[in-house]
Amino acid sequence: MKTNKRPPASILFIFGGSGDLNYRKLTPALYNLFLDEWMPDNFAIAGIGRSSYSNEEYHGHLLDGITKFSRRKGEQNGHWKDFSQHVSYLQMDGDDAAAYHKITDLVKEKEAEWGQHPNVIFYLAVAPQLVPSIATKLGALNLCSDVHCTRIVVEKPFGHDLKSAHELNALLSSMFKEEQIFRIDHYLGKETVQNILALRFANALFEPIWNRNYIDHIQITAAESVGLEGRGGYFENSGALRDMVQNHILQILCMVAMEAPVSFDANEIRNKKVDVLNAIRRITPDKVGEHAVRGQYSKGWKKGEEVVGYREEKGVNPESAIDTFAAAKFYIDNWRWQGVPIYVRTGKYLNQKATHITLQFKSAPHNAFPSESADTWHSNKLTISIQPEMDISIRFQVKRPGQTMTLDPVDMTFSYDTEADHAPEAYETLLLDAMEGDATLFMRGDQVEAAWKVIMPILEHWESHKPADFPNYTPDSWGPEAADKLIAQEGHTWINVPSA
């Protein structure tokens, strides 16, 4: 018998209810929470969209998404029928202020039915340009003044640059308190990302050496093996630095580099993350070329198939200067990390899909072993793989069996795939946290703006200096040659984790 502590009664309104994010991610996540008995005893889910659906048609549409994209595609067994009774569809235009009475009507109906006032969560799974209009109309509803029970969840990208992010923060803050605003980054919901905190702060083995005295450098890679997948219009206004580094990679960096929290209070954790972002050394315009590299893929071959170059993709400017690859070198100017380079990279059409963090430790201060051991001598490293595999691996030296003192590097690995049955996906964790009002894994307003401040010098320099070498890398490679030169400045090379 399960003893899950469920959230209080909740109503989840999903703007963009007929859209792709809800179809692929949100409803499958909510359904998995239902199967695992994490959903409240009393709950309702209302999809909001302009498409025309009856409730029955909408249920069929969502079930199709579950059978295609859920981690438990075959586990219906009558449970879908029970779950779908909690799901309805509200056809309305988010720009029509007069239609918002449908929301308050449903809340009143459920409040009367359940005999209690529910938590109300507004999930804005819509295009970024629609967020201000919808948020403004929601802010006018009386129920949004309830700080403890009403929340708004905003998907990334949060702003297009520092100025627009600040304006969006100001708009949301004029209608909602900060504790009501949940800025979501699905990377922070991934099991291995969350496990960084457990690895560091629950083990006396690691925290004493998690600093500049023992760590030589850090690498964070978020590589994609696919191209645009029909998202040329979006990516042409974004680019790899905006799309991945500003949010996903910098948030991972915060988890790796933050100081030990006093408690797991949401604001305490987020305070420590903001401290990291504020401590990252700002790159001056004249130093951008030494600290950042951009790339754009050409036409070529990917896994035996011919693919077009970025500039030939649908929705892309034939002379586009948008980066499909970005790499950067950061320094954190504080006591823990002073002088330790942190290398990050991300890109489309790279050799494999892989997101991993590698902490490369310094060499042992003295090699007392005989000369024959030198050829196989390797420094220790710790690798946290986030996708596609989820594991944590530590490399250390051991003696090779035999009559000579020869050393070999070996890996000791903890794998989620073998240890965890049905590990929850990121959106499951984050949706449950939103219903519970736990903002630990969500970004605070000052955190978002601090992340933008880190990359704005690079963005502004790139936008004012058109690249002369685009396209500069081929599909199925690891990006442009300049990325190798970037990391080689201090005698390092990129670490590519072999795929399973």
Protein backbone atom coordinates (compact mmCIF):
# COMPACT_ATOMS: atom_id res chain seq x y z
CA MET A 1 0.00 0.00 0.00
CA LYS A 2 1.38 3.36 -1.01
CA THR A 3 1.75 6.14 1.49
CA ASN A 4 2.42 9.04 -0.88
CA LYS A 5 1.64 12.40 0.64
CA ARG A 6 -0.54 13.94 -2.03
CA PRO A 7 -0.92 17.64 -2.78
CA PRO A 8 -4.09 19.44 -1.72
CA ALA A 9 -7.08 19.69 -4.07
CA SER A 10 -5.90 21.33 -7.30
CA ILE A 11 -7.17 22.65 -10.61
CA LEU A 12 -4.62 22.89 -13.41
CA PHE A 13 -5.47 25.18 -16.34
CA ILE A 14 -3.20 24.51 -19.33
CA PHE A 15 -3.09 27.38 -21.83
CA GLY A 16 -1.99 25.75 -25.06
CA GLY A 17 -4.01 22.70 -24.09
CA SER A 18 -4.30 21.60 -27.72
CA GLY A 19 -0.60 22.25 -28.38
CA ASP A 20 2.44 20.04 -28.77
CA LEU A 21 3.94 20.50 -25.29
CA ASN A 22 0.78 19.33 -23.58
CA TYR A 23 0.36 16.48 -26.08
CA ARG A 24 3.93 15.17 -25.71
CA LYS A 25 4.90 16.09 -22.16
CA LEU A 26 2.37 17.60 -19.76
CA THR A 27 -0.57 15.20 -19.98
CA PRO A 28 1.68 12.10 -20.11
CA ALA A 29 3.43 13.44 -16.98
CA LEU A 30 0.14 14.10 -15.16
CA TYR A 31 -1.14 10.66 -16.12
CA ASN A 32 2.01 9.03 -14.72
CA LEU A 33 1.53 10.95 -11.47
CA PHE A 34 -2.02 9.60 -11.40
CA LEU A 35 -0.84 6.02 -11.95
CA ASP A 36 1.73 6.42 -9.17
CA GLU A 37 -0.94 7.83 -6.81
CA TRP A 38 0.65 11.25 -6.50
CA MET A 39 -2.29 13.29 -7.83
CA PRO A 40 -4.61 14.89 -5.26
CA ASP A 41 -7.76 13.05 -4.25
CA ASN A 42 -9.67 15.96 -5.78
CA PHE A 43 -8.20 17.39 -8.97
CA ALA A 44 -9.26 18.78 -12.33
CA ILE A 45 -7.30 19.48 -15.49
CA ALA A 46 -8.68 21.95 -18.03
CA GLY A 47 -6.99 22.35 -21.39
CA ILE A 48 -7.49 25.79 -22.91
CA GLY A 49 -7.12 26.43 -26.62
CA ARG A 50 -8.68 27.90 -29.74
CA SER A 51 -9.05 24.57 -31.52
CA SER A 52 -12.51 23.03 -31.58
CA TYR A 53 -12.76 19.90 -29.42
CA SER A 54 -15.55 18.22 -27.57
CA ASN A 55 -14.42 16.69 -24.28
CA GLU A 56 -14.58 13.24 -25.86
CA GLU A 57 -12.49 14.32 -28.86
CA TYR A 58 -10.00 16.01 -26.55
CA HIS A 59 -9.63 12.86 -24.47
CA GLY A 60 -8.91 10.87 -27.62
CA HIS A 61 -6.28 13.40 -28.69
CA LEU A 62 -4.51 13.27 -25.32
CA LEU A 63 -4.64 9.47 -25.15
CA ASP A 64 -2.95 9.33 -28.54
CA GLY A 65 -0.13 11.46 -27.09
CA ILE A 66 0.23 9.13 -24.11
CA THR A 67 0.42 6.01 -26.28
CA LYS A 68 3.20 7.67 -28.33
CA PHE A 69 5.24 9.58 -25.77
CA SER A 70 4.60 8.32 -22.23
CA ARG A 71 7.25 6.21 -20.48
CA ARG A 72 4.39 3.76 -19.76
CA LYS A 73 2.69 3.51 -23.11
CA GLY A 74 1.00 0.20 -22.44
CA GLU A 75 -0.34 0.68 -18.92
CA GLN A 76 -3.89 1.83 -19.54
CA ASN A 77 -5.81 -1.10 -17.95
CA GLY A 78 -8.86 1.03 -17.32
CA HIS A 79 -6.88 3.75 -15.55
CA TRP A 80 -7.22 6.17 -18.47
CA LYS A 81 -10.99 6.10 -18.10
CA ASP A 82 -10.69 7.10 -14.45
CA PHE A 83 -8.09 9.78 -15.20
CA SER A 84 -9.96 11.30 -18.15
CA GLN A 85 -13.02 11.97 -15.96
CA HIS A 86 -10.92 14.72 -14.37
CA VAL A 87 -10.00 16.28 -17.75
CA SER A 88 -12.03 18.82 -19.71
CA TYR A 89 -11.50 21.26 -22.56
CA LEU A 90 -12.28 24.97 -22.60
CA GLN A 91 -12.38 26.46 -26.08
CA MET A 92 -11.40 30.10 -25.72
CA ASP A 93 -9.08 32.71 -27.16
CA GLY A 94 -6.44 33.82 -24.68
CA ASP A 95 -6.75 37.37 -26.00
CA ASP A 96 -10.49 37.54 -25.24
CA ALA A 97 -10.80 39.00 -21.73
CA ALA A 98 -14.54 38.33 -21.68
CA ALA A 99 -13.96 34.56 -21.98
CA TYR A 100 -11.98 34.32 -18.74
CA HIS A 101 -15.19 33.90 -16.77
CA LYS A 102 -15.03 30.24 -17.89
CA ILE A 103 -12.04 29.86 -15.60
CA THR A 104 -13.68 31.37 -12.53
CA ASP A 105 -16.88 29.44 -13.25
CA LEU A 106 -14.99 26.13 -13.23
CA VAL A 107 -13.16 27.04 -10.00
CA LYS A 108 -16.47 27.88 -8.29
CA GLU A 109 -18.03 24.66 -9.58
CA LYS A 110 -15.19 22.50 -8.21
CA GLU A 111 -15.05 24.44 -4.95
CA ALA A 112 -18.72 23.66 -4.36
CA GLU A 113 -18.29 20.02 -5.40
CA TRP A 114 -15.24 19.39 -3.19
CA GLY A 115 -16.25 21.56 -0.26
CA GLN A 116 -12.88 23.29 -0.18
CA HIS A 117 -10.99 26.00 -2.05
CA PRO A 118 -8.46 24.32 -4.37
CA ASN A 119 -5.02 25.32 -5.45
CA VAL A 120 -5.30 26.90 -8.89
CA ILE A 121 -2.33 26.53 -11.26
CA PHE A 122 -2.16 28.33 -14.60
CA TYR A 123 0.34 26.66 -16.90
CA LEU A 124 1.27 28.87 -19.87
CA ALA A 125 2.35 26.30 -22.48
CA VAL A 126 2.15 28.92 -25.22
CA ALA A 127 4.47 30.89 -27.49
CA PRO A 128 6.51 33.48 -25.55
CA GLN A 129 4.84 36.43 -27.26
CA LEU A 130 1.44 35.34 -25.88
CA VAL A 131 2.55 35.24 -22.24
CA PRO A 132 2.16 38.98 -21.40
CA SER A 133 -1.39 39.18 -22.74
CA ILE A 134 -2.59 36.02 -20.97
CA ALA A 135 -0.83 36.90 -17.71
CA THR A 136 -2.40 40.38 -17.72
CA LYS A 137 -5.90 38.97 -18.13
CA LEU A 138 -5.30 36.34 -15.45
CA GLY A 139 -4.01 39.04 -13.10
CA ALA A 140 -7.36 40.79 -13.34
CA LEU A 141 -9.17 37.77 -11.86
CA ASN A 142 -9.91 38.03 -8.15
CA LEU A 143 -8.72 34.48 -7.48
CA CYS A 144 -5.17 35.45 -8.56
CA SER A 145 -4.82 37.65 -5.48
CA ASP A 146 -4.72 34.48 -3.34
CA VAL A 147 -0.97 34.20 -2.78
CA HIS A 148 -1.15 30.79 -1.09
CA CYS A 149 -3.42 28.97 -3.52
CA THR A 150 -2.93 30.50 -6.99
CA ARG A 151 0.20 30.01 -9.12
CA ILE A 152 1.31 30.78 -12.65
CA VAL A 153 3.83 28.55 -14.46
CA VAL A 154 5.79 30.17 -17.31
CA GLU A 155 7.75 28.12 -19.83
CA LYS A 156 11.11 29.10 -21.26
CA PRO A 157 12.38 31.11 -23.02
CA PHE A 158 11.91 33.75 -20.33
CA GLY A 159 12.68 36.84 -22.35
CA HIS A 160 14.79 37.25 -25.48
CA ASP A 161 17.53 39.23 -23.75
CA LEU A 162 18.16 40.97 -20.44
CA LYS A 163 15.88 43.91 -21.23
CA SER A 164 12.88 41.79 -22.25
CA ALA A 165 13.39 39.41 -19.31
CA HIS A 166 13.40 42.37 -16.91
CA GLU A 167 10.23 43.74 -18.52
CA LEU A 168 8.47 40.37 -18.26
CA ASN A 169 9.53 40.05 -14.62
CA ALA A 170 8.18 43.52 -13.92
CA LEU A 171 4.87 42.72 -15.63
CA LEU A 172 4.36 39.45 -13.75
CA SER A 173 5.41 41.03 -10.45
CA SER A 174 2.81 43.77 -10.88
CA MET A 175 0.05 41.13 -10.72
CA PHE A 176 1.53 38.18 -8.82
CA LYS A 177 3.81 37.81 -5.83
CA GLU A 178 7.18 36.17 -6.51
CA GLU A 179 6.10 33.04 -4.60
CA GLN A 180 3.25 32.62 -7.11
CA ILE A 181 5.49 32.73 -10.20
CA PHE A 182 7.02 29.39 -11.25
CA ARG A 183 9.52 29.85 -14.10
CA ILE A 184 10.08 26.35 -15.38
CA ASP A 185 13.24 24.80 -16.81
CA HIS A 186 12.62 21.10 -17.37
CA TYR A 187 16.34 20.29 -17.04
CA LEU A 188 16.13 21.03 -13.32
CA GLY A 189 13.53 18.28 -12.93
CA LYS A 190 15.79 15.54 -14.31
CA GLU A 191 16.76 12.93 -11.73
CA THR A 192 20.50 13.15 -12.27
CA VAL A 193 20.48 16.95 -12.07
CA GLN A 194 18.68 16.79 -8.73
CA ASN A 195 21.12 14.11 -7.61
CA ILE A 196 24.00 16.60 -7.88
CA LEU A 197 22.85 18.11 -4.58
CA ALA A 198 22.60 14.69 -2.91
CA LEU A 199 26.00 13.64 -4.26
CA ARG A 200 27.69 16.78 -2.98
CA PHE A 201 25.99 17.55 0.30
CA ALA A 202 25.00 14.11 1.62
CA ASN A 203 28.48 12.63 1.26
CA ALA A 204 31.48 13.71 3.31
CA LEU A 205 33.57 11.93 0.67
CA PHE A 206 33.02 14.56 -2.03
CA GLU A 207 32.41 18.01 -0.59
CA PRO A 208 35.93 18.50 0.90
CA ILE A 209 37.52 18.04 -2.55
CA TRP A 210 34.84 19.90 -4.53
CA ASN A 211 36.95 23.04 -5.01
CA ARG A 212 39.93 24.68 -6.74
CA ASN A 213 42.43 22.80 -4.56
CA TYR A 214 41.59 19.47 -6.19
CA ILE A 215 39.61 20.17 -9.39
CA ASP A 216 41.57 21.16 -12.49
CA HIS A 217 38.61 22.13 -14.68
CA ILE A 218 34.94 21.38 -15.32
CA GLN A 219 33.17 20.57 -18.59
CA ILE A 220 29.43 20.71 -19.30
CA THR A 221 28.22 19.34 -22.63
CA ALA A 222 24.65 19.40 -23.92
CA ALA A 223 24.92 17.89 -27.39
CA GLU A 224 22.03 17.16 -29.74
CA SER A 225 22.29 14.66 -32.59
CA VAL A 226 19.27 16.12 -34.41
CA GLY A 227 18.80 19.31 -36.40
CA LEU A 228 15.91 21.77 -36.24
CA GLU A 229 13.08 19.23 -36.57
CA GLY A 230 10.81 21.80 -38.21
CA ARG A 231 11.56 24.57 -35.71
CA GLY A 232 13.45 26.85 -38.09
CA GLY A 233 11.22 29.84 -37.41
CA TYR A 234 11.82 29.58 -33.65
CA PHE A 235 15.52 28.82 -33.82
CA GLU A 236 16.22 31.65 -36.26
CA ASN A 237 15.19 34.05 -33.49
CA SER A 238 17.03 32.17 -30.80
CA GLY A 239 20.27 30.32 -31.49
CA ALA A 240 22.19 27.82 -29.38
CA LEU A 241 23.55 30.33 -26.85
CA ARG A 242 20.08 31.66 -26.04
CA ASP A 243 18.25 28.35 -26.36
CA MET A 244 20.56 26.20 -24.23
CA VAL A 245 23.34 28.07 -22.45
CA GLN A 246 21.34 30.92 -20.89
CA ASN A 247 18.95 28.58 -19.11
CA HIS A 248 19.74 24.86 -19.12
CA ILE A 249 23.54 24.92 -18.97
CA LEU A 250 23.87 27.85 -16.59
CA GLN A 251 21.35 26.23 -14.24
CA ILE A 252 23.37 23.00 -14.26
CA LEU A 253 26.49 25.06 -13.60
CA CYS A 254 24.77 26.58 -10.57
CA MET A 255 24.01 23.14 -9.14
CA VAL A 256 27.63 22.06 -9.61
CA ALA A 257 29.22 25.23 -8.24
CA MET A 258 26.88 26.48 -5.49
CA GLU A 259 27.85 26.62 -1.83
CA ALA A 260 26.28 24.25 0.70
CA PRO A 261 22.78 25.41 1.66
CA VAL A 262 21.77 25.79 5.29
CA SER A 263 18.49 24.03 4.50
CA PHE A 264 16.46 22.85 1.53
CA ASP A 265 14.15 25.85 1.74
CA ALA A 266 13.36 27.00 -1.80
CA ASN A 267 14.74 30.50 -1.36
CA GLU A 268 17.87 29.25 0.40
CA ILE A 269 18.70 26.99 -2.55
CA ARG A 270 17.95 29.73 -5.07
CA ASN A 271 20.01 32.28 -3.11
CA LYS A 272 23.04 30.01 -3.47
CA LYS A 273 22.43 29.68 -7.23
CA VAL A 274 22.16 33.44 -7.69
CA ASP A 275 25.45 33.84 -5.81
CA VAL A 276 27.13 31.63 -8.44
CA LEU A 277 25.71 33.60 -11.36
CA ASN A 278 26.72 36.90 -9.78
CA ALA A 279 30.25 35.57 -9.25
CA ILE A 280 30.80 34.51 -12.87
CA ARG A 281 33.42 36.78 -14.37
CA ARG A 282 31.91 39.08 -16.98
CA ILE A 283 33.44 38.79 -20.43
CA THR A 284 34.41 42.17 -21.87
CA PRO A 285 33.71 42.84 -25.58
CA ASP A 286 37.40 42.70 -26.50
CA LYS A 287 37.76 39.27 -24.85
CA VAL A 288 34.75 37.51 -26.38
CA GLY A 289 36.90 35.85 -29.04
CA GLU A 290 39.09 34.32 -26.32
CA HIS A 291 36.16 33.04 -24.24
CA ALA A 292 33.39 32.06 -26.68
CA VAL A 293 33.04 30.22 -29.99
CA ARG A 294 30.03 29.95 -32.29
CA GLY A 295 29.28 27.60 -35.13
CA GLN A 296 26.73 26.76 -37.78
CA TYR A 297 26.34 23.38 -39.47
CA SER A 298 26.74 22.83 -43.18
CA LYS A 299 25.09 20.21 -45.33
CA GLY A 300 26.50 16.74 -44.92
CA TRP A 301 25.77 13.24 -43.72
CA LYS A 302 24.27 12.14 -40.43
CA LYS A 303 24.09 8.42 -39.61
CA GLY A 304 24.12 7.51 -43.32
CA GLU A 305 21.51 10.10 -44.36
CA GLU A 306 22.22 13.29 -46.28
CA VAL A 307 21.03 16.42 -44.45
CA VAL A 308 20.80 20.04 -45.55
CA GLY A 309 22.81 22.86 -44.05
CA TYR A 310 21.23 25.25 -41.55
CA ARG A 311 20.83 28.00 -44.15
CA GLU A 312 18.83 25.63 -46.36
CA GLU A 313 16.40 24.71 -43.56
CA LYS A 314 12.77 25.83 -43.85
CA GLY A 315 12.13 29.18 -42.17
CA VAL A 316 15.81 30.13 -42.08
CA ASN A 317 17.45 33.17 -43.71
CA PRO A 318 19.78 31.94 -46.51
CA GLU A 319 22.47 34.27 -45.10
CA SER A 320 21.70 33.57 -41.44
CA ALA A 321 24.34 34.31 -38.81
CA ILE A 322 22.49 32.37 -36.10
CA ASP A 323 24.61 29.98 -34.05
CA THR A 324 23.65 26.30 -34.04
CA PHE A 325 26.71 25.60 -31.88
CA ALA A 326 28.05 27.59 -28.93
CA ALA A 327 30.97 26.99 -26.59
CA ALA A 328 32.26 29.22 -23.82
CA LYS A 329 34.84 29.35 -21.05
CA PHE A 330 33.69 30.82 -17.73
CA TYR A 331 35.45 31.60 -14.48
CA ILE A 332 33.76 31.95 -11.09
CA ASP A 333 35.50 34.56 -9.00
CA ASN A 334 35.05 33.29 -5.45
CA TRP A 335 37.07 31.35 -2.87
CA ARG A 336 35.88 27.91 -3.99
CA TRP A 337 36.43 28.23 -7.73
CA GLN A 338 38.97 30.99 -8.37
CA GLY A 339 41.09 30.08 -11.39
CA VAL A 340 39.17 26.92 -12.34
CA PRO A 341 38.02 27.12 -15.99
CA ILE A 342 34.49 25.89 -16.68
CA TYR A 343 33.94 24.91 -20.30
CA VAL A 344 30.43 24.59 -21.73
CA ARG A 345 29.27 23.58 -25.20
CA THR A 346 26.05 22.79 -26.99
CA GLY A 347 25.01 22.29 -30.59
CA LYS A 348 22.76 20.77 -33.21
CA TYR A 349 23.71 17.81 -35.44
CA LEU A 350 26.61 16.80 -33.23
CA ASN A 351 28.04 13.29 -33.11
CA GLN A 352 25.65 12.01 -30.47
CA LYS A 353 22.88 13.06 -28.11
CA ALA A 354 24.55 13.52 -24.76
CA THR A 355 24.29 15.80 -21.74
CA HIS A 356 26.99 15.30 -19.17
CA ILE A 357 29.09 17.09 -16.57
CA THR A 358 32.73 16.16 -16.04
CA LEU A 359 34.88 17.24 -13.11
CA GLN A 360 38.50 16.65 -14.03
CA PHE A 361 40.66 16.39 -10.92
CA LYS A 362 44.25 17.51 -10.67
CA SER A 363 47.01 14.95 -10.94
CA ALA A 364 48.39 13.38 -7.79
CA PRO A 365 51.12 15.69 -6.47
CA HIS A 366 53.84 13.02 -6.66
CA ASN A 367 54.15 9.88 -8.77
CA ALA A 368 56.08 7.36 -6.71
CA PHE A 369 55.32 4.45 -9.03
CA PRO A 370 57.87 2.91 -11.41
CA SER A 371 58.29 4.26 -14.93
CA GLU A 372 56.25 1.49 -16.58
CA SER A 373 53.13 2.83 -14.90
CA ALA A 374 53.47 6.27 -16.48
CA ASP A 375 51.91 5.34 -19.84
CA THR A 376 48.61 4.41 -18.24
CA TRP A 377 48.52 7.09 -15.57
CA HIS A 378 45.30 9.14 -15.67
CA SER A 379 43.96 11.78 -13.31
CA ASN A 380 40.73 11.05 -11.50
CA LYS A 381 37.49 12.35 -12.93
CA LEU A 382 33.83 12.30 -12.00
CA THR A 383 31.18 12.26 -14.73
CA ILE A 384 27.48 12.91 -14.23
CA SER A 385 25.49 11.82 -17.29
CA ILE A 386 22.04 13.36 -17.61
CA GLN A 387 20.95 11.96 -20.98
CA PRO A 388 20.50 9.63 -22.76
CA GLU A 389 21.97 7.47 -19.99
CA MET A 390 21.44 8.58 -16.39
CA ASP A 391 24.46 7.66 -14.32
CA ILE A 392 27.33 8.88 -12.16
CA SER A 393 30.80 7.52 -12.84
CA ILE A 394 34.07 7.90 -10.93
CA ARG A 395 37.37 7.06 -12.63
CA PHE A 396 40.31 6.04 -10.48
CA GLN A 397 43.57 4.09 -10.81
CA VAL A 398 44.09 0.41 -9.85
CA LYS A 399 46.93 -2.04 -10.29
CA ARG A 400 46.64 -4.31 -13.29
CA PRO A 401 46.78 -8.01 -12.26
CA GLY A 402 50.23 -9.43 -12.88
CA GLN A 403 53.85 -9.30 -11.79
CA THR A 404 54.50 -5.66 -12.78
CA MET A 405 53.31 -2.47 -11.12
CA THR A 406 51.18 -1.30 -14.03
CA LEU A 407 48.24 1.00 -13.39
CA ASP A 408 44.92 1.03 -15.22
CA PRO A 409 42.05 3.53 -15.02
CA VAL A 410 38.70 1.93 -14.09
CA ASP A 411 35.19 3.34 -13.77
CA MET A 412 32.82 2.79 -10.88
CA THR A 413 29.32 3.65 -12.05
CA PHE A 414 25.93 4.16 -10.45
CA SER A 415 23.23 3.74 -13.08
CA TYR A 416 19.64 4.90 -12.69
CA ASP A 417 18.60 2.53 -15.46
CA THR A 418 19.55 -0.51 -13.37
CA GLU A 419 18.73 0.85 -9.91
CA ALA A 420 15.49 2.75 -10.50
CA ASP A 421 12.26 1.26 -11.80
CA HIS A 422 10.18 3.81 -13.71
CA ALA A 423 12.23 6.86 -12.70
CA PRO A 424 9.95 9.89 -13.05
CA GLU A 425 10.48 12.22 -15.97
CA ALA A 426 11.34 15.87 -15.40
CA TYR A 427 7.86 17.25 -15.99
CA GLU A 428 6.36 14.81 -13.48
CA THR A 429 8.61 16.16 -10.75
CA LEU A 430 8.03 19.80 -11.67
CA LEU A 431 4.25 19.54 -12.04
CA LEU A 432 3.99 17.84 -8.66
CA ASP A 433 6.15 20.57 -7.11
CA ALA A 434 3.93 23.26 -8.66
CA MET A 435 0.83 21.65 -7.14
CA GLU A 436 2.57 21.47 -3.77
CA GLY A 437 3.85 25.04 -4.02
CA ASP A 438 7.50 23.96 -3.80
CA ALA A 439 9.57 26.41 -5.89
CA THR A 440 13.00 24.86 -5.19
CA LEU A 441 13.49 23.63 -8.77
CA PHE A 442 12.02 26.74 -10.40
CA MET A 443 13.88 29.90 -11.28
CA ARG A 444 13.41 33.11 -9.35
CA GLY A 445 13.22 36.44 -11.15
CA ASP A 446 16.66 37.66 -10.09
CA GLN A 447 18.14 34.31 -11.08
CA VAL A 448 16.80 34.62 -14.64
CA GLU A 449 18.17 38.14 -15.02
CA ALA A 450 21.53 37.16 -13.55
CA ALA A 451 21.82 34.40 -16.17
CA TRP A 452 21.08 36.86 -18.94
CA LYS A 453 23.79 39.20 -17.61
CA VAL A 454 26.34 36.41 -18.00
CA ILE A 455 25.73 35.85 -21.71
CA MET A 456 24.70 39.35 -22.89
CA PRO A 457 28.28 40.48 -23.66
CA ILE A 458 28.69 37.43 -25.93
CA LEU A 459 25.31 37.92 -27.59
CA GLU A 460 25.88 41.61 -28.20
CA HIS A 461 29.32 41.00 -29.66
CA TRP A 462 28.07 38.24 -31.96
CA GLU A 463 25.13 40.32 -33.16
CA SER A 464 27.39 43.24 -34.04
CA HIS A 465 30.09 41.12 -35.71
CA LYS A 466 28.87 38.92 -38.55
CA PRO A 467 30.75 35.60 -38.73
CA ALA A 468 33.02 35.23 -41.73
CA ASP A 469 33.30 31.43 -41.63
CA PHE A 470 29.70 30.17 -41.45
CA PRO A 471 28.94 27.32 -42.00
CA ASN A 472 31.98 26.00 -40.13
CA TYR A 473 31.21 22.43 -39.01
CA THR A 474 29.71 19.33 -40.58
CA PRO A 475 26.88 17.18 -39.22
CA ASP A 476 28.02 14.20 -37.11
CA SER A 477 31.11 16.07 -35.89
CA TRP A 478 31.72 17.66 -32.48
CA GLY A 479 31.44 21.22 -33.76
CA PRO A 480 33.87 23.74 -35.25
CA GLU A 481 37.64 23.45 -34.94
CA ALA A 482 37.67 26.74 -33.01
CA ALA A 483 35.95 24.97 -30.08
CA ASP A 484 38.95 22.65 -29.77
CA LYS A 485 41.29 25.65 -29.85
CA LEU A 486 39.23 27.34 -27.12
CA ILE A 487 39.77 24.54 -24.64
CA ALA A 488 43.35 23.85 -25.79
CA GLN A 489 44.48 27.28 -24.58
CA GLU A 490 45.01 25.78 -21.11
CA GLY A 491 46.15 22.40 -22.43
CA HIS A 492 42.74 20.68 -22.17
CA THR A 493 40.65 18.64 -24.59
CA TRP A 494 36.92 18.01 -24.75
CA ILE A 495 35.77 14.83 -23.03
CA ASN A 496 33.26 12.83 -25.07
CA VAL A 497 31.44 10.22 -23.01
CA PRO A 498 31.00 7.01 -25.08
CA SER A 499 27.37 6.15 -25.76
CA ALA A 500 26.06 2.94 -24.22
